[in-house]
Amino acid sequence: MEEERFYVTQALSESEVFGKLRMLIAENVSGLYNLTVKNNLNHKFYSIKFIVKARSENYAKLCEILQKNEIILVNCYELLFPSYKISIKGDSEQCLNIQKELLEVLMAYGSVPIKSKLSSDEFVNGSLEITVTNKDPSNCIKFLELMRKNKDMEYKVTPVDESEF
């Protein structure tokens, strides 16, 4: 019997479809995690992101059902483990400036970014959180060099496991 895996889905949905979304998802998966729904500026479409735990054939069936119910799939992928969370704290402008370069360095290394979040307190102190899969970024020389260049920023790399979802 095939093992269940985690899958990330990003989609767009009109408000009429949203009411039955949870029911459509629940029929085909054993777990639903981190459901996020956003509507920017009262737009017609809602941006949806969620993580499910399912067998591959059930996930493929779920994607078909979502599309038949007028949900536009934007991005679907398997969440690979091990995963790592990079937390960086420092000046908010420095966090913003380092984000793009850091994502490029991680991609080149083979540590695939799956989530990036930048926040700041009154545009002074910033924090950048990036979740990556496949390879431990603390073993990447370019990542370490980049962080050494920005020595006034604190960083921490911590493993993320399945139970955190």
Protein backbone atom coordinates (compact mmCIF):
# COMPACT_ATOMS: atom_id res chain seq x y z
CA MET A 1 0.00 0.00 0.00
CA GLU A 2 1.32 3.42 -0.95
CA GLU A 3 2.45 5.76 1.81
CA GLU A 4 0.64 9.06 2.36
CA ARG A 5 2.58 12.22 1.55
CA PHE A 6 2.15 15.94 2.04
CA TYR A 7 1.07 18.09 -0.92
CA VAL A 8 0.86 21.88 -1.19
CA THR A 9 -1.87 23.42 -3.35
CA GLN A 10 -2.27 27.05 -4.37
CA ALA A 11 -5.46 28.01 -6.17
CA LEU A 12 -7.92 30.76 -7.04
CA SER A 13 -11.63 30.54 -6.35
CA GLU A 14 -14.73 32.67 -6.73
CA SER A 15 -16.69 33.31 -3.57
CA GLU A 16 -19.61 31.04 -4.60
CA VAL A 17 -17.31 28.01 -4.86
CA PHE A 18 -15.57 28.68 -1.57
CA GLY A 19 -18.48 27.44 0.56
CA LYS A 20 -18.05 23.82 -0.54
CA LEU A 21 -14.23 23.88 -0.68
CA ARG A 22 -13.59 22.23 2.70
CA MET A 23 -16.06 19.44 1.88
CA LEU A 24 -14.41 18.79 -1.51
CA ILE A 25 -10.99 18.57 0.10
CA ALA A 26 -12.05 16.40 3.06
CA GLU A 27 -13.48 13.64 0.86
CA ASN A 28 -10.08 12.71 -0.60
CA VAL A 29 -7.46 13.33 2.07
CA SER A 30 -6.64 12.15 5.57
CA GLY A 31 -5.45 15.54 6.81
CA LEU A 32 -5.87 19.23 5.97
CA TYR A 33 -3.29 21.69 7.30
CA ASN A 34 -2.57 25.43 7.08
CA LEU A 35 -5.61 26.47 5.03
CA THR A 36 -5.10 30.12 4.08
CA VAL A 37 -7.69 32.21 2.20
CA LYS A 38 -7.00 35.81 1.12
CA ASN A 39 -8.95 38.38 -0.82
CA ASN A 40 -7.04 41.52 -1.74
CA LEU A 41 -8.99 44.74 -2.30
CA ASN A 42 -12.36 43.04 -2.58
CA HIS A 43 -11.32 41.24 -5.76
CA LYS A 44 -13.67 38.70 -7.37
CA PHE A 45 -11.25 35.81 -6.74
CA TYR A 46 -9.93 34.44 -3.47
CA SER A 47 -6.35 33.21 -3.20
CA ILE A 48 -6.25 29.82 -1.46
CA LYS A 49 -3.32 27.81 -0.15
CA PHE A 50 -3.45 24.57 1.81
CA ILE A 51 -1.45 21.48 2.65
CA VAL A 52 -3.01 18.01 2.58
CA LYS A 53 -1.86 14.54 3.53
CA ALA A 54 -2.95 11.94 0.99
CA ARG A 55 -1.89 9.11 -1.30
CA SER A 56 -0.78 10.26 -4.76
CA GLU A 57 -3.84 8.83 -6.57
CA ASN A 58 -6.18 10.51 -4.05
CA TYR A 59 -4.35 13.82 -4.50
CA ALA A 60 -4.64 13.56 -8.30
CA LYS A 61 -8.37 12.84 -7.87
CA LEU A 62 -8.68 15.84 -5.53
CA CYS A 63 -7.06 18.12 -8.13
CA GLU A 64 -9.51 16.87 -10.79
CA ILE A 65 -12.50 17.46 -8.50
CA LEU A 66 -11.29 20.97 -7.62
CA GLN A 67 -10.95 21.87 -11.30
CA LYS A 68 -14.40 20.47 -12.12
CA ASN A 69 -15.78 22.74 -9.38
CA GLU A 70 -14.31 25.87 -11.01
CA ILE A 71 -11.29 26.18 -8.75
CA ILE A 72 -8.27 27.35 -10.72
CA LEU A 73 -5.14 25.46 -9.67
CA VAL A 74 -2.09 27.72 -9.74
CA ASN A 75 0.58 25.53 -8.15
CA CYS A 76 0.61 21.94 -6.86
CA TYR A 77 3.65 20.12 -5.51
CA GLU A 78 4.77 17.48 -3.05
CA LEU A 79 6.26 18.76 0.18
CA LEU A 80 9.58 17.00 0.60
CA PHE A 81 11.31 16.21 3.85
CA PRO A 82 13.69 16.98 5.34
CA SER A 83 12.75 20.65 5.42
CA TYR A 84 14.56 23.50 7.11
CA LYS A 85 13.43 26.90 8.40
CA ILE A 86 15.84 29.82 8.11
CA SER A 87 15.09 32.69 10.51
CA ILE A 88 16.93 35.97 9.99
CA LYS A 89 16.58 39.06 12.18
CA GLY A 90 18.03 42.50 11.65
CA ASP A 91 17.35 45.84 10.03
CA SER A 92 14.14 45.63 7.96
CA GLU A 93 15.76 47.23 4.89
CA GLN A 94 18.63 44.72 5.04
CA CYS A 95 16.15 41.84 5.32
CA LEU A 96 14.37 43.10 2.22
CA ASN A 97 17.64 43.55 0.30
CA ILE A 98 19.03 40.12 1.19
CA GLN A 99 15.82 38.18 0.45
CA LYS A 100 16.15 37.92 -3.36
CA GLU A 101 19.85 37.10 -3.28
CA LEU A 102 19.30 34.51 -0.57
CA LEU A 103 16.52 32.79 -2.54
CA GLU A 104 18.77 32.62 -5.62
CA VAL A 105 21.67 31.17 -3.59
CA LEU A 106 19.41 28.52 -2.05
CA MET A 107 17.93 27.52 -5.43
CA ALA A 108 21.41 27.20 -6.96
CA TYR A 109 22.46 24.97 -4.04
CA GLY A 110 19.42 22.71 -4.48
CA SER A 111 17.67 23.76 -1.30
CA VAL A 112 14.23 24.56 -2.75
CA PRO A 113 12.39 27.50 -1.09
CA ILE A 114 8.72 26.68 -0.51
CA LYS A 115 7.74 29.60 1.71
CA SER A 116 9.19 33.05 2.32
CA LYS A 117 7.80 35.57 4.81
CA LEU A 118 9.16 39.03 5.51
CA SER A 119 7.79 41.12 8.38
CA SER A 120 8.89 44.24 10.22
CA ASP A 121 8.10 46.29 13.30
CA GLU A 122 7.46 49.87 12.22
CA PHE A 123 9.96 49.46 9.33
CA VAL A 124 12.89 49.32 11.78
CA ASN A 125 13.47 45.73 12.90
CA GLY A 126 12.77 43.04 10.35
CA SER A 127 12.51 39.30 10.33
CA LEU A 128 12.75 37.02 7.33
CA GLU A 129 11.62 33.40 7.48
CA ILE A 130 12.30 31.01 4.61
CA THR A 131 11.30 27.36 4.60
CA VAL A 132 13.29 25.14 2.22
CA THR A 133 13.34 21.43 1.34
CA ASN A 134 15.94 18.88 0.20
CA LYS A 135 19.26 20.20 1.51
CA ASP A 136 20.40 21.78 4.76
CA PRO A 137 21.29 25.42 3.95
CA SER A 138 23.83 25.54 6.81
CA ASN A 139 26.06 23.33 4.62
CA CYS A 140 25.93 25.80 1.69
CA ILE A 141 29.14 27.84 1.44
CA LYS A 142 27.50 30.72 -0.50
CA PHE A 143 24.74 30.96 2.12
CA LEU A 144 27.32 31.09 4.92
CA GLU A 145 29.38 33.71 3.02
CA LEU A 146 26.28 35.85 2.47
CA MET A 147 25.42 35.69 6.16
CA ARG A 148 29.05 36.46 7.10
CA LYS A 149 28.91 39.59 4.88
CA ASN A 150 25.79 40.66 6.78
CA LYS A 151 27.28 40.03 10.23
CA ASP A 152 24.93 42.50 11.96
CA MET A 153 22.01 40.16 11.14
CA GLU A 154 21.24 37.14 13.33
CA TYR A 155 20.30 33.90 11.63
CA LYS A 156 19.24 30.43 12.68
CA VAL A 157 18.60 27.25 10.67
CA THR A 158 16.28 24.69 12.27
CA PRO A 159 14.97 21.39 10.90
CA VAL A 160 11.21 21.15 10.32
CA ASP A 161 9.48 17.79 10.50
CA GLU A 162 6.09 16.51 9.42
CA SER A 163 4.55 16.92 12.87
CA GLU A 164 4.78 20.72 12.62
CA PHE A 165 2.06 20.70 9.96
